Amino acid sequence: MLVACQKCQRTYPAEGSTFCPHDGEKLLAIDDVTPVGDPKDPLVTSTIAGRYEIRRVIANGGMGRVYEARELTQQERVAIKILHADVAEDEVNIERFRREATTSQELDHPHVVKVMDFAATAQVPGRPGKSWYLVMEYLDGEELRHVLTREKTLPLHRAIRIVSQLALALDSAHARGFVHRDLKPDNVFLVRGPDGDTVKLLDFGSVKFTKGQDRGQKLTVMGTTIGSPFYMSPEQAQGSPQLDQRTDVWAVGVIVYEMFVGKVPFQAPNGAQILFKILSDEAMPPTFANDDAPPQLDNLLHKALRKDPAQRYQHAGEFAAAMGHAFGLTGTPAEWAGISEQAMQIALDDAARAVALVVPEPMVEAPLPPAWHPPPRFDAGSVSAGSSLLVPVHRTPRWIFLVAAVGVIAAAAIALFALR
């Protein structure tokens, strides 16, 4: 059962919902709230495919428009994305739309948006011919892009949870041979809950298949690129046909950089110059770009943004694990993804205190040389037969040296007298 807000037309599950969190209006049973039409969009208030009652516009993109709708059979709220009429005239765009639907359905992962339906219908007001639509679970929250636009940077405890959940989704996709190829904050949706964010990865429309799963025409031709230039890996910027999961690892590195620095590492006025910088420049270390960035990020992102894919982290989970461990966390990204933000903050605080309490080992001074003592006098009686000790030499009596010295002096005096 659903309830709805008469003012903004948003719908909510009936359980525990009394007032609209958006504008504070009292919520009513959905059948008691008449949908309000939109003079700019004849689809609002219409019913698509006899099942989906369009309630309001959620977002408008280059490929299509997203609406909030009510599924009439199950009485649940859904999001429905309908391709723009001009976009639907291109078979490549339809194929991209199909891939977005089928890939999400096949993944069936808690951190990938759930897709329930994908089809074409001729029953769309104001549109001749067929219109393509995709039905997804409705998500309460906002894109990471909106969060970064508003807050510029994220606190560490929130960022690690987001990256951990994103890594789980990506590793699952990569294991099936799906490379997302268009990772960016716009495609990372954050469902805000009492324990913090729940990540939902969106838009697999640019997916590349690496295990021979191609089911339709190619989306690109040799030497062309697909995706957002700011987040492209060097191999993607070059249009390489040999892309694999490491191109998504690069994109996650760029997103993490943006989370802590407030901007992407490679910026330029146009796409071509951005790609040139990605291919030729090294990213400025985060602590150079933002004095508040944690120093642990410098080495972490230096490796994530290596030009050579073989020198990067090889999997998203490996990158997420390295990030957590750099800040002293124990465990795995799967564990960090499942704890609350409060528990994450406590774990990070404990790790920081543990580092601060480590007492360095005292410097050990080099031992002083032992005091010198004269060697012991040799006792011939202590030497047994067969001993390897050297036999002592008998000393010459001192008086002999004295007599010799006197003789030398006398001889020298006599010689001197003779010379006169």
Protein backbone atom coordinates (compact mmCIF):
# COMPACT_ATOMS: atom_id res chain seq x y z
CA MET A 1 0.00 0.00 0.00
CA LEU A 2 1.24 3.47 -0.87
CA VAL A 3 0.57 6.96 0.41
CA ALA A 4 1.24 10.19 -1.44
CA CYS A 5 1.81 13.89 -0.89
CA GLN A 6 -0.85 16.10 -2.44
CA LYS A 7 1.60 18.97 -2.86
CA CYS A 8 4.71 17.38 -4.44
CA GLN A 9 3.14 14.09 -5.68
CA ARG A 10 5.88 11.97 -4.08
CA THR A 11 4.81 8.52 -2.98
CA TYR A 12 5.91 6.48 0.05
CA PRO A 13 5.26 3.07 1.61
CA ALA A 14 2.33 3.37 3.98
CA GLU A 15 4.15 1.78 6.90
CA GLY A 16 5.58 4.45 9.19
CA SER A 17 4.84 7.34 6.82
CA THR A 18 2.66 10.18 8.14
CA PHE A 19 4.15 13.41 6.80
CA CYS A 20 6.09 14.10 3.62
CA PRO A 21 9.78 14.49 4.52
CA HIS A 22 10.18 16.80 1.53
CA ASP A 23 7.64 19.50 2.37
CA GLY A 24 5.99 18.39 5.62
CA GLU A 25 2.49 17.87 4.16
CA LYS A 26 0.26 15.18 5.62
CA LEU A 27 0.33 12.02 3.53
CA LEU A 28 -2.89 10.51 2.18
CA ALA A 29 -3.80 7.16 0.64
CA ILE A 30 -2.52 7.28 -2.94
CA ASP A 31 -5.98 6.79 -4.42
CA ASP A 32 -7.08 9.95 -2.61
CA VAL A 33 -4.35 12.04 -4.28
CA THR A 34 -5.15 12.92 -7.89
CA PRO A 35 -2.03 13.11 -10.10
CA VAL A 36 -1.31 16.63 -11.35
CA GLY A 37 -0.53 17.04 -15.04
CA ASP A 38 2.52 18.78 -16.43
CA PRO A 39 1.86 21.09 -19.41
CA LYS A 40 5.46 20.51 -20.59
CA ASP A 41 5.23 16.72 -20.43
CA PRO A 42 2.08 14.86 -21.57
CA LEU A 43 3.42 11.60 -20.09
CA VAL A 44 2.75 12.77 -16.51
CA THR A 45 -0.58 11.24 -15.30
CA SER A 46 -0.57 8.75 -18.19
CA THR A 47 -0.30 4.98 -17.81
CA ILE A 48 2.49 3.14 -19.65
CA ALA A 49 1.91 -0.39 -20.93
CA GLY A 50 -1.27 -0.59 -18.85
CA ARG A 51 0.83 -1.07 -15.68
CA TYR A 52 2.78 2.06 -14.76
CA GLU A 53 0.97 5.20 -13.66
CA ILE A 54 3.32 8.19 -14.15
CA ARG A 55 3.22 10.51 -11.11
CA ARG A 56 6.00 13.07 -11.62
CA VAL A 57 9.33 13.81 -13.32
CA ILE A 58 12.44 12.84 -11.31
CA ALA A 59 15.30 13.68 -13.67
CA ASN A 60 16.04 14.52 -17.26
CA GLY A 61 19.14 13.25 -19.06
CA GLY A 62 20.63 13.15 -22.50
CA MET A 63 19.25 9.68 -23.24
CA GLY A 64 15.87 9.83 -21.55
CA ARG A 65 13.66 11.12 -18.79
CA VAL A 66 13.11 9.39 -15.45
CA TYR A 67 9.72 9.41 -13.74
CA GLU A 68 8.30 8.27 -10.44
CA ALA A 69 5.45 5.86 -11.11
CA ARG A 70 3.09 3.46 -9.38
CA GLU A 71 3.07 -0.15 -10.51
CA LEU A 72 -0.64 -0.94 -10.50
CA THR A 73 -0.48 -4.72 -10.08
CA GLN A 74 1.78 -4.89 -7.02
CA GLN A 75 0.94 -1.37 -5.80
CA GLU A 76 4.58 -0.39 -5.42
CA ARG A 77 6.45 2.73 -6.43
CA VAL A 78 9.03 2.41 -9.19
CA ALA A 79 11.24 4.60 -11.34
CA ILE A 80 10.63 4.39 -15.07
CA LYS A 81 13.13 5.68 -17.64
CA ILE A 82 11.77 6.44 -21.10
CA LEU A 83 14.08 7.16 -24.03
CA HIS A 84 13.65 10.53 -25.70
CA ALA A 85 11.82 10.17 -29.02
CA ASP A 86 14.77 11.40 -31.09
CA VAL A 87 17.23 9.19 -29.18
CA ALA A 88 15.06 6.12 -29.84
CA GLU A 89 15.51 6.62 -33.59
CA ASP A 90 19.13 5.42 -33.33
CA GLU A 91 19.69 1.66 -33.10
CA VAL A 92 22.95 2.16 -31.19
CA ASN A 93 21.08 4.08 -28.48
CA ILE A 94 18.48 1.33 -28.23
CA GLU A 95 21.25 -1.26 -27.92
CA ARG A 96 22.86 0.81 -25.17
CA PHE A 97 19.51 0.99 -23.38
CA ARG A 98 19.07 -2.77 -23.75
CA ARG A 99 22.52 -3.40 -22.26
CA GLU A 100 21.72 -1.19 -19.29
CA ALA A 101 18.64 -3.31 -18.57
CA THR A 102 19.99 -6.80 -19.21
CA THR A 103 23.30 -6.27 -17.40
CA SER A 104 21.63 -4.94 -14.25
CA GLN A 105 19.15 -7.82 -14.32
CA GLU A 106 21.91 -10.41 -14.66
CA LEU A 107 24.00 -8.95 -11.87
CA ASP A 108 21.17 -8.96 -9.29
CA HIS A 109 23.50 -7.39 -6.71
CA PRO A 110 22.48 -5.42 -3.59
CA HIS A 111 24.71 -2.52 -4.69
CA VAL A 112 23.47 -2.43 -8.29
CA VAL A 113 20.13 -0.82 -9.06
CA LYS A 114 17.47 -3.47 -9.62
CA VAL A 115 15.79 -3.50 -13.05
CA MET A 116 12.36 -5.15 -13.19
CA ASP A 117 11.14 -4.53 -16.73
CA PHE A 118 12.37 -3.47 -20.16
CA ALA A 119 10.24 -3.22 -23.28
CA ALA A 120 8.82 -1.02 -26.02
CA THR A 121 5.26 0.22 -26.23
CA ALA A 122 3.28 2.16 -28.80
CA GLN A 123 0.87 3.53 -26.19
CA VAL A 124 2.69 6.71 -25.18
CA PRO A 125 0.79 10.00 -25.40
CA GLY A 126 2.07 12.40 -28.03
CA ARG A 127 4.52 9.90 -29.53
CA PRO A 128 4.04 8.05 -32.78
CA GLY A 129 5.57 4.62 -33.07
CA LYS A 130 7.25 2.68 -30.30
CA SER A 131 8.77 4.12 -27.15
CA TRP A 132 11.38 2.22 -25.15
CA TYR A 133 11.16 2.15 -21.37
CA LEU A 134 13.06 0.60 -18.46
CA VAL A 135 11.56 0.07 -15.00
CA MET A 136 13.81 0.15 -11.90
CA GLU A 137 13.43 0.04 -8.16
CA TYR A 138 12.65 3.46 -6.72
CA LEU A 139 15.55 4.89 -4.73
CA ASP A 140 15.25 7.51 -2.00
CA GLY A 141 18.43 9.55 -1.94
CA GLU A 142 20.70 11.39 -4.34
CA GLU A 143 23.61 10.91 -6.68
CA LEU A 144 27.13 11.26 -5.35
CA ARG A 145 27.50 14.12 -7.84
CA HIS A 146 24.89 16.16 -5.96
CA VAL A 147 26.59 15.46 -2.64
CA LEU A 148 30.00 16.57 -3.94
CA THR A 149 28.52 19.67 -5.56
CA ARG A 150 26.99 20.66 -2.23
CA GLU A 151 29.65 19.52 0.24
CA LYS A 152 32.80 19.61 -1.96
CA THR A 153 34.57 16.85 0.02
CA LEU A 154 33.50 13.90 2.17
CA PRO A 155 34.63 12.79 5.65
CA LEU A 156 36.86 9.73 5.73
CA HIS A 157 34.39 7.39 7.45
CA ARG A 158 31.74 8.07 4.82
CA ALA A 159 34.15 7.78 1.89
CA ILE A 160 35.53 4.38 2.96
CA ARG A 161 32.03 2.92 3.24
CA ILE A 162 31.07 4.25 -0.19
CA VAL A 163 34.23 2.90 -1.84
CA SER A 164 33.83 -0.47 -0.11
CA GLN A 165 30.26 -0.91 -1.36
CA LEU A 166 31.16 0.31 -4.84
CA ALA A 167 34.04 -2.19 -4.95
CA LEU A 168 31.69 -5.05 -4.07
CA ALA A 169 29.40 -4.14 -6.97
CA LEU A 170 32.29 -3.75 -9.42
CA ASP A 171 34.07 -6.96 -8.45
CA SER A 172 30.81 -8.85 -8.98
CA ALA A 173 30.37 -7.25 -12.41
CA HIS A 174 33.99 -7.83 -13.40
CA ALA A 175 33.81 -11.48 -12.37
CA ARG A 176 31.00 -11.88 -14.92
CA GLY A 177 32.98 -10.10 -17.62
CA PHE A 178 31.23 -6.71 -17.41
CA VAL A 179 33.34 -3.54 -17.46
CA HIS A 180 31.17 -0.52 -16.59
CA ARG A 181 33.23 1.98 -18.64
CA ASP A 182 31.29 5.05 -17.47
CA LEU A 183 31.97 5.28 -13.74
CA LYS A 184 31.47 8.78 -12.35
CA PRO A 185 29.70 10.35 -9.35
CA ASP A 186 26.55 10.75 -11.46
CA ASN A 187 26.23 6.95 -11.65
CA VAL A 188 26.83 6.30 -7.95
CA PHE A 189 23.50 6.70 -6.16
CA LEU A 190 23.44 7.06 -2.37
CA VAL A 191 20.35 5.82 -0.55
CA ARG A 192 20.54 7.55 2.80
CA GLY A 193 19.49 5.48 5.83
CA PRO A 194 19.91 5.43 9.61
CA ASP A 195 23.27 3.61 9.31
CA GLY A 196 24.55 5.80 6.48
CA ASP A 197 24.73 5.43 2.72
CA THR A 198 23.73 2.40 0.71
CA VAL A 199 25.42 2.56 -2.69
CA LYS A 200 23.51 1.68 -5.83
CA LEU A 201 25.54 1.57 -9.04
CA LEU A 202 23.61 2.93 -12.02
CA ASP A 203 23.71 2.91 -15.81
CA PHE A 204 25.45 -0.05 -17.40
CA GLY A 205 24.56 1.33 -20.82
CA SER A 206 28.23 1.70 -21.78
CA VAL A 207 29.21 -1.76 -20.55
CA LYS A 208 31.96 -3.69 -22.32
CA PHE A 209 31.78 -7.47 -22.39
CA THR A 210 35.11 -9.23 -21.84
CA LYS A 211 33.94 -12.85 -21.96
CA GLY A 212 32.32 -13.04 -25.35
CA GLN A 213 28.82 -12.09 -24.20
CA ASP A 214 28.16 -9.58 -27.01
CA ARG A 215 24.49 -9.71 -27.88
CA GLY A 216 23.97 -7.08 -30.51
CA GLN A 217 25.89 -4.48 -32.43
CA LYS A 218 29.06 -2.83 -31.19
CA LEU A 219 28.65 0.49 -29.39
CA THR A 220 31.95 1.90 -30.66
CA VAL A 221 34.29 1.50 -33.57
CA MET A 222 38.06 1.07 -33.36
CA GLY A 223 39.82 4.22 -32.13
CA THR A 224 36.75 5.91 -30.63
CA THR A 225 35.99 6.43 -26.97
CA ILE A 226 32.94 6.09 -24.77
CA GLY A 227 32.38 7.52 -21.31
CA SER A 228 32.97 10.78 -19.45
CA PRO A 229 36.44 12.20 -20.25
CA PHE A 230 37.27 13.30 -16.68
CA TYR A 231 37.11 9.69 -15.46
CA MET A 232 38.63 7.88 -18.44
CA SER A 233 41.70 5.73 -18.04
CA PRO A 234 44.61 6.32 -20.45
CA GLU A 235 43.79 3.14 -22.37
CA GLN A 236 40.16 4.20 -22.64
CA ALA A 237 41.21 7.68 -23.80
CA GLN A 238 43.19 6.02 -26.60
CA GLY A 239 40.21 3.94 -27.70
CA SER A 240 42.01 0.70 -26.93
CA PRO A 241 39.93 -2.42 -27.64
CA GLN A 242 41.75 -4.26 -24.82
CA LEU A 243 39.93 -2.62 -21.90
CA ASP A 244 39.42 -4.71 -18.79
CA GLN A 245 38.40 -4.18 -15.15
CA ARG A 246 41.45 -1.99 -14.49
CA THR A 247 39.87 0.86 -16.44
CA ASP A 248 37.10 0.91 -13.79
CA VAL A 249 39.76 0.86 -11.05
CA TRP A 250 41.22 4.05 -12.55
CA ALA A 251 37.77 5.68 -12.52
CA VAL A 252 37.28 4.75 -8.84
CA GLY A 253 40.67 6.36 -8.14
CA VAL A 254 39.50 9.58 -9.81
CA ILE A 255 36.27 9.52 -7.78
CA VAL A 256 38.22 9.05 -4.53
CA TYR A 257 40.54 11.91 -5.52
CA GLU A 258 37.49 14.12 -6.06
CA MET A 259 35.99 13.06 -2.71
CA PHE A 260 39.00 14.41 -0.80
CA VAL A 261 40.37 17.17 -3.01
CA GLY A 262 37.10 18.67 -4.25
CA LYS A 263 38.02 18.41 -7.93
CA VAL A 264 39.18 15.82 -10.44
CA PRO A 265 42.93 15.38 -11.04
CA PHE A 266 42.88 16.22 -14.76
CA GLN A 267 41.07 19.38 -15.83
CA ALA A 268 40.99 21.33 -19.10
CA PRO A 269 38.55 23.46 -21.11
CA ASN A 270 37.50 20.69 -23.52
CA GLY A 271 37.41 16.95 -23.91
CA ALA A 272 40.42 16.65 -26.19
CA GLN A 273 42.67 18.59 -23.77
CA ILE A 274 41.39 16.54 -20.83
CA LEU A 275 42.32 13.32 -22.61
CA PHE A 276 45.74 14.74 -23.53
CA LYS A 277 46.42 15.51 -19.86
CA ILE A 278 45.30 12.03 -18.83
CA LEU A 279 47.77 10.55 -21.31
CA SER A 280 50.71 12.85 -20.60
CA ASP A 281 50.48 14.40 -17.10
CA GLU A 282 50.86 12.94 -13.63
CA ALA A 283 48.12 13.71 -11.11
CA MET A 284 49.10 16.21 -8.45
CA PRO A 285 49.32 14.40 -5.08
CA PRO A 286 46.13 15.01 -3.05
CA THR A 287 48.01 16.71 -0.21
CA PHE A 288 49.48 19.19 -2.71
CA ALA A 289 46.06 19.91 -4.19
CA ASN A 290 44.28 20.20 -0.81
CA ASP A 291 46.09 20.82 2.48
CA ASP A 292 43.30 19.00 4.34
CA ALA A 293 43.66 15.75 2.38
CA PRO A 294 45.02 12.86 4.49
CA PRO A 295 48.67 12.09 3.62
CA GLN A 296 47.88 8.36 3.31
CA LEU A 297 46.09 9.14 0.04
CA ASP A 298 49.21 10.22 -1.83
CA ASN A 299 50.70 6.76 -2.30
CA LEU A 300 47.28 5.12 -2.56
CA LEU A 301 46.13 7.27 -5.48
CA HIS A 302 49.55 7.34 -7.10
CA LYS A 303 49.16 3.60 -7.63
CA ALA A 304 45.46 3.75 -8.60
CA LEU A 305 46.24 6.34 -11.28
CA ARG A 306 49.27 4.71 -12.89
CA LYS A 307 49.26 5.03 -16.67
CA ASP A 308 50.18 1.37 -17.14
CA PRO A 309 47.24 -0.84 -16.07
CA ALA A 310 49.68 -3.54 -14.91
CA GLN A 311 51.03 -1.15 -12.28
CA ARG A 312 47.62 -0.23 -10.83
CA TYR A 313 45.54 -2.08 -8.31
CA GLN A 314 44.22 -4.99 -10.34
CA HIS A 315 40.73 -5.11 -8.83
CA ALA A 316 38.36 -2.65 -7.20
CA GLY A 317 38.34 -4.75 -4.03
CA GLU A 318 42.14 -4.61 -3.84
CA PHE A 319 41.99 -0.81 -4.06
CA ALA A 320 39.26 -0.57 -1.40
CA ALA A 321 41.23 -2.87 0.92
CA ALA A 322 44.39 -0.81 0.48
CA MET A 323 42.43 2.34 1.29
CA GLY A 324 41.05 0.97 4.55
CA HIS A 325 44.35 -0.55 5.63
CA ALA A 326 46.17 2.72 4.90
CA PHE A 327 44.11 4.26 7.71
CA GLY A 328 44.71 1.41 10.12
CA LEU A 329 41.49 -0.57 9.64
CA THR A 330 41.51 -4.33 9.98
CA GLY A 331 39.21 -6.64 8.04
CA THR A 332 37.90 -6.47 4.48
CA PRO A 333 35.83 -4.13 2.29
CA ALA A 334 32.89 -6.53 2.65
CA GLU A 335 33.01 -6.02 6.42
CA TRP A 336 33.43 -2.26 6.19
CA ALA A 337 30.53 -1.99 3.71
CA GLY A 338 28.18 -3.59 6.23
CA ILE A 339 28.91 -1.51 9.34
CA SER A 340 27.29 1.81 10.17
CA GLU A 341 28.99 5.14 9.66
CA GLN A 342 29.15 5.52 13.44
CA ALA A 343 30.92 2.18 13.81
CA MET A 344 33.29 3.13 10.99
CA GLN A 345 34.16 6.39 12.74
CA ILE A 346 34.84 4.53 15.98
CA ALA A 347 37.06 2.02 14.16
CA LEU A 348 39.04 4.83 12.52
CA ASP A 349 39.41 6.66 15.84
CA ASP A 350 40.64 3.47 17.52
CA ALA A 351 43.13 2.91 14.73
CA ALA A 352 44.43 6.48 15.02
CA ARG A 353 44.81 6.14 18.80
CA ALA A 354 46.63 2.84 18.40
CA VAL A 355 49.14 4.51 16.10
CA ALA A 356 49.57 7.45 18.50
CA LEU A 357 50.11 5.14 21.50
CA VAL A 358 52.86 3.11 19.88
CA VAL A 359 55.98 3.91 21.93
CA PRO A 360 59.09 3.80 19.81
CA GLU A 361 61.72 1.36 21.04
CA PRO A 362 64.49 3.13 22.97
CA MET A 363 67.73 3.58 21.18
CA VAL A 364 70.21 0.94 22.28
CA GLU A 365 73.63 2.43 22.81
CA ALA A 366 76.59 0.53 21.44
CA PRO A 367 78.38 -1.32 24.29
CA LEU A 368 81.57 0.27 25.50
CA PRO A 369 84.78 -1.66 24.75
CA PRO A 370 85.92 -3.70 27.75
CA ALA A 371 88.52 -2.12 29.99
CA TRP A 372 92.05 -2.98 28.90
CA HIS A 373 93.99 -5.37 31.12
CA PRO A 374 97.56 -6.60 30.61
CA PRO A 375 97.75 -10.10 29.26
CA PRO A 376 98.24 -12.76 31.91
CA ARG A 377 101.78 -13.92 32.56
CA PHE A 378 102.60 -17.27 31.11
CA ASP A 379 102.90 -20.13 33.57
CA ALA A 380 104.99 -22.87 32.01
CA GLY A 381 103.82 -25.32 34.59
CA SER A 382 100.23 -25.06 33.40
CA VAL A 383 101.02 -26.33 29.90
CA SER A 384 100.32 -29.99 29.44
CA ALA A 385 101.91 -32.34 26.95
CA GLY A 386 100.60 -31.87 23.43
CA SER A 387 99.23 -28.36 24.15
CA SER A 388 98.92 -26.08 21.12
CA LEU A 389 100.00 -23.02 23.10
CA LEU A 390 103.14 -21.27 21.91
CA VAL A 391 106.30 -21.89 23.93
CA PRO A 392 107.38 -18.64 25.68
CA VAL A 393 110.63 -16.95 24.74
CA HIS A 394 113.10 -16.43 27.62
CA ARG A 395 113.76 -12.75 28.33
CA THR A 396 117.35 -11.33 28.09
CA PRO A 397 118.59 -9.82 31.41
CA ARG A 398 118.45 -5.99 31.47
CA TRP A 399 122.13 -5.56 32.56
CA ILE A 400 123.34 -6.90 29.24
CA PHE A 401 121.51 -4.06 27.39
CA LEU A 402 123.04 -1.51 29.83
CA VAL A 403 126.61 -2.70 29.21
CA ALA A 404 126.04 -2.64 25.44
CA ALA A 405 124.77 0.93 25.58
CA VAL A 406 127.80 2.13 27.61
CA GLY A 407 130.12 0.46 25.08
CA VAL A 408 128.50 2.22 22.16
CA ILE A 409 128.83 5.61 23.87
CA ALA A 410 132.52 5.01 24.68
CA ALA A 411 133.31 3.97 21.11
CA ALA A 412 131.67 7.11 19.78
CA ALA A 413 133.76 9.30 22.15
CA ILE A 414 137.05 7.67 21.14
CA ALA A 415 136.24 8.15 17.45
CA LEU A 416 135.48 11.82 17.98
CA PHE A 417 138.79 12.38 19.88
CA ALA A 418 140.75 10.71 17.07
CA LEU A 419 139.31 13.04 14.48
CA ARG A 420 140.73 16.04 16.28
